[in-house]
Amino acid sequence: MNLLSLFSIGFVLGLTGAMAPGPLLTVTISESARKGGIVGPLIVLGHGILEFVLLCIIVFGLGNLLDNRTVFSVIAFFGGIVLIFMGSMTIKDLKRYSLDGAAKSEGRGMHPVTAGILISLSNPYWFIWWITIGMGYVMFARGLGFHGVIAFFTGHILSDLVWYSFVSYGIQFGGKYLSIRVLKTILLVCSIFLILFGIFFIVKGYSFIR
């Protein structure tokens, strides 16, 4: 992989995760109606701070594990399964996909940056994603050195910023920029990429233990 590939993969993977309904999206929708479009970028700032800390732990704290071919194969295999599962479930749930802001808002009343940190920290799927998929791609990225890791992380966090800003400012301006049909199409395309990435992960992991 080259830097552009890692950046693009990070962006697509991040976009699919960001678009999927969850606590962060719920808080963004409900708080944007009260505080305006700046909520989206601020929530991503908090979320990004936490993810950067975890990225440093993975790169520097688990450095020896990342260089182990067996560990890489195991992570790649399970990461591939998680990706395929995420993509398949997202496609399955497209008919029920909604941007309904009436859902429960766990972070209501918090500063958006604080909400971005605490809600991400309390989400078990966030840990699962980084331990499997995230760590797997960090392994690939390390092959290109520091620049590879930064390229992947930049693409990943930029997708969050683009999506949550689009949602929050779309709500601020009356929702006229949000078309559920367009969003479902984007999510479908991203989910197909998730499944393809999952297959690639499994094949790559298998090739390392042959």
Protein backbone atom coordinates (compact mmCIF):
# COMPACT_ATOMS: atom_id res chain seq x y z
CA MET A 1 0.00 0.00 0.00
CA ASN A 2 1.09 3.60 -0.55
CA LEU A 3 0.20 6.68 1.50
CA LEU A 4 -2.76 7.61 -0.69
CA SER A 5 -4.19 4.09 -0.39
CA LEU A 6 -3.90 4.16 3.41
CA PHE A 7 -5.49 7.61 3.54
CA SER A 8 -8.37 6.49 1.28
CA ILE A 9 -8.96 3.27 3.24
CA GLY A 10 -8.93 5.20 6.51
CA PHE A 11 -11.47 7.64 5.08
CA VAL A 12 -13.87 4.99 3.74
CA LEU A 13 -13.68 2.86 6.89
CA GLY A 14 -14.21 5.90 9.07
CA LEU A 15 -17.08 7.22 6.97
CA THR A 16 -18.98 3.94 7.21
CA GLY A 17 -18.56 3.85 10.97
CA ALA A 18 -19.51 7.51 11.35
CA MET A 19 -22.68 7.16 9.27
CA ALA A 20 -23.95 4.14 11.20
CA PRO A 21 -26.55 5.11 13.85
CA GLY A 22 -25.02 5.27 17.32
CA PRO A 23 -24.58 7.41 20.45
CA LEU A 24 -22.30 10.00 18.84
CA LEU A 25 -24.65 10.52 15.91
CA THR A 26 -27.63 10.78 18.26
CA VAL A 27 -25.95 13.44 20.39
CA THR A 28 -24.82 15.35 17.30
CA ILE A 29 -28.36 15.45 15.92
CA SER A 30 -30.05 16.46 19.19
CA GLU A 31 -27.44 19.02 20.26
CA SER A 32 -27.07 20.61 16.82
CA ALA A 33 -30.71 21.63 16.96
CA ARG A 34 -29.97 23.55 20.19
CA LYS A 35 -26.39 24.76 19.76
CA GLY A 36 -25.87 24.95 16.01
CA GLY A 37 -23.58 23.37 13.47
CA ILE A 38 -20.39 23.80 15.51
CA VAL A 39 -21.50 20.80 17.61
CA GLY A 40 -20.40 18.31 14.94
CA PRO A 41 -16.77 19.48 14.63
CA LEU A 42 -16.44 19.81 18.43
CA ILE A 43 -17.71 16.27 19.03
CA VAL A 44 -15.22 15.00 16.46
CA LEU A 45 -12.46 16.94 18.24
CA GLY A 46 -13.20 15.08 21.48
CA HIS A 47 -13.54 11.77 19.66
CA GLY A 48 -10.29 12.42 17.78
CA ILE A 49 -8.33 13.25 20.93
CA LEU A 50 -9.32 9.89 22.42
CA GLU A 51 -8.53 8.02 19.23
CA PHE A 52 -5.13 9.68 18.94
CA VAL A 53 -4.25 8.59 22.47
CA LEU A 54 -5.31 5.03 21.65
CA LEU A 55 -3.32 5.16 18.39
CA CYS A 56 -0.19 6.14 20.34
CA ILE A 57 -0.77 3.26 22.76
CA ILE A 58 -1.09 0.84 19.85
CA VAL A 59 1.98 2.12 18.01
CA PHE A 60 4.32 2.64 20.97
CA GLY A 61 2.89 0.47 23.71
CA LEU A 62 2.21 -2.59 21.57
CA GLY A 63 5.11 -2.16 19.16
CA ASN A 64 6.53 -5.67 19.62
CA LEU A 65 3.14 -7.27 19.03
CA LEU A 66 2.73 -5.34 15.80
CA ASP A 67 5.91 -6.90 14.45
CA ASN A 68 4.80 -10.47 15.20
CA ARG A 69 3.53 -12.31 12.09
CA THR A 70 1.31 -14.68 14.08
CA VAL A 71 -0.33 -11.83 16.00
CA PHE A 72 -0.78 -9.95 12.72
CA SER A 73 -2.49 -12.96 11.13
CA VAL A 74 -4.87 -13.42 14.07
CA ILE A 75 -5.81 -9.74 14.15
CA ALA A 76 -6.19 -9.61 10.36
CA PHE A 77 -8.43 -12.69 10.38
CA PHE A 78 -10.77 -11.47 13.13
CA GLY A 79 -10.64 -7.91 11.81
CA GLY A 80 -11.75 -9.21 8.41
CA ILE A 81 -14.66 -11.06 10.00
CA VAL A 82 -15.70 -7.90 11.88
CA LEU A 83 -15.53 -5.84 8.68
CA ILE A 84 -17.64 -8.32 6.72
CA PHE A 85 -20.15 -8.50 9.57
CA MET A 86 -20.37 -4.70 9.85
CA GLY A 87 -20.85 -4.27 6.11
CA SER A 88 -23.47 -7.03 5.89
CA MET A 89 -25.46 -5.78 8.89
CA THR A 90 -25.38 -2.20 7.63
CA ILE A 91 -26.78 -3.28 4.25
CA LYS A 92 -29.41 -5.39 6.02
CA ASP A 93 -30.51 -2.42 8.17
CA LEU A 94 -30.62 0.18 5.39
CA LYS A 95 -34.42 0.08 5.18
CA ARG A 96 -34.65 1.16 8.82
CA TYR A 97 -31.90 3.77 8.61
CA SER A 98 -33.06 7.11 9.98
CA LEU A 99 -31.73 10.46 11.15
CA ASP A 100 -34.45 10.83 13.74
CA GLY A 101 -33.23 13.28 16.34
CA ALA A 102 -35.83 12.18 18.88
CA ALA A 103 -33.69 9.25 20.01
CA LYS A 104 -32.24 9.22 23.53
CA SER A 105 -29.29 11.58 23.89
CA GLU A 106 -26.81 10.21 26.41
CA GLY A 107 -24.54 13.23 26.16
CA ARG A 108 -27.18 15.93 26.47
CA GLY A 109 -25.98 18.91 28.52
CA MET A 110 -22.26 18.08 28.15
CA HIS A 111 -19.81 20.26 26.31
CA PRO A 112 -19.53 18.70 22.81
CA VAL A 113 -15.79 17.97 23.20
CA THR A 114 -16.42 16.23 26.52
CA ALA A 115 -19.32 14.32 25.00
CA GLY A 116 -17.11 13.19 22.12
CA ILE A 117 -14.59 11.75 24.58
CA LEU A 118 -16.91 10.17 27.14
CA ILE A 119 -19.45 8.68 24.74
CA SER A 120 -16.69 7.14 22.62
CA LEU A 121 -15.01 5.78 25.74
CA SER A 122 -18.26 4.16 26.92
CA ASN A 123 -18.92 2.48 23.56
CA PRO A 124 -17.63 -1.16 23.55
CA TYR A 125 -17.84 -1.31 19.75
CA TRP A 126 -15.29 1.48 19.57
CA PHE A 127 -12.77 -0.68 21.45
CA ILE A 128 -13.58 -3.73 19.32
CA TRP A 129 -13.06 -1.72 16.13
CA TRP A 130 -9.61 -0.49 17.18
CA ILE A 131 -8.43 -3.80 18.61
CA THR A 132 -9.31 -5.66 15.41
CA ILE A 133 -9.70 -3.44 12.34
CA GLY A 134 -7.79 -0.40 13.56
CA MET A 135 -4.81 -2.35 14.85
CA GLY A 136 -4.69 -4.40 11.66
CA TYR A 137 -4.39 -1.34 9.44
CA VAL A 138 -1.88 0.26 11.81
CA MET A 139 0.24 -2.83 11.15
CA PHE A 140 0.02 -2.18 7.41
CA ALA A 141 0.67 1.53 7.91
CA ARG A 142 3.81 0.92 9.97
CA GLY A 143 5.37 -0.64 6.90
CA LEU A 144 5.59 2.88 5.49
CA GLY A 145 6.85 4.30 8.76
CA PHE A 146 5.45 7.24 10.72
CA HIS A 147 3.98 8.80 7.58
CA GLY A 148 1.91 5.68 6.90
CA VAL A 149 0.33 5.74 10.36
CA ILE A 150 -0.45 9.45 10.06
CA ALA A 151 -1.96 8.96 6.58
CA PHE A 152 -4.32 6.27 7.84
CA PHE A 153 -5.32 8.21 10.97
CA THR A 154 -5.81 11.46 9.02
CA GLY A 155 -8.15 9.77 6.55
CA HIS A 156 -10.01 8.10 9.41
CA ILE A 157 -10.58 11.24 11.48
CA LEU A 158 -11.25 13.44 8.44
CA SER A 159 -14.19 11.20 7.50
CA ASP A 160 -15.68 11.79 10.96
CA LEU A 161 -15.20 15.53 10.60
CA VAL A 162 -16.81 15.62 7.14
CA TRP A 163 -19.81 13.53 8.11
CA TYR A 164 -20.62 15.04 11.50
CA SER A 165 -20.12 18.57 10.16
CA PHE A 166 -22.47 17.77 7.28
CA VAL A 167 -25.10 16.48 9.72
CA SER A 168 -24.81 19.28 12.27
CA TYR A 169 -24.75 22.15 9.78
CA GLY A 170 -27.45 20.46 7.71
CA ILE A 171 -29.67 20.47 10.81
CA GLN A 172 -28.78 24.08 11.59
CA PHE A 173 -29.89 25.16 8.13
CA GLY A 174 -33.18 23.33 8.31
CA GLY A 175 -32.09 19.90 7.11
CA LYS A 176 -32.36 20.93 3.46
CA TYR A 177 -28.95 19.40 2.70
CA LEU A 178 -29.87 16.00 4.13
CA SER A 179 -31.46 13.57 1.70
CA ILE A 180 -32.07 10.14 3.20
CA ARG A 181 -31.95 8.53 -0.25
CA VAL A 182 -28.50 9.97 -0.95
CA LEU A 183 -27.28 8.97 2.51
CA LYS A 184 -28.48 5.40 2.05
CA THR A 185 -26.71 5.20 -1.31
CA ILE A 186 -23.44 6.42 0.20
CA LEU A 187 -23.81 3.98 3.09
CA LEU A 188 -24.49 1.09 0.69
CA VAL A 189 -21.35 1.85 -1.34
CA CYS A 190 -19.25 2.15 1.83
CA SER A 191 -20.65 -1.11 3.19
CA ILE A 192 -19.67 -2.94 0.02
CA PHE A 193 -16.15 -1.57 0.45
CA LEU A 194 -16.18 -2.79 4.06
CA ILE A 195 -16.95 -6.33 2.89
CA LEU A 196 -14.18 -6.15 0.27
CA PHE A 197 -11.72 -4.84 2.85
CA GLY A 198 -12.75 -7.69 5.14
CA ILE A 199 -11.99 -10.28 2.46
CA PHE A 200 -8.64 -8.59 1.79
CA PHE A 201 -7.83 -8.71 5.52
CA ILE A 202 -8.57 -12.43 5.77
CA VAL A 203 -6.56 -13.27 2.64
CA LYS A 204 -3.63 -11.13 3.81
CA GLY A 205 -3.68 -12.72 7.25
CA TYR A 206 -3.71 -16.20 5.74
CA SER A 207 -0.77 -15.38 3.48
CA PHE A 208 1.32 -14.47 6.53
CA ILE A 209 0.98 -17.94 8.11
CA ARG A 210 1.33 -20.07 4.95
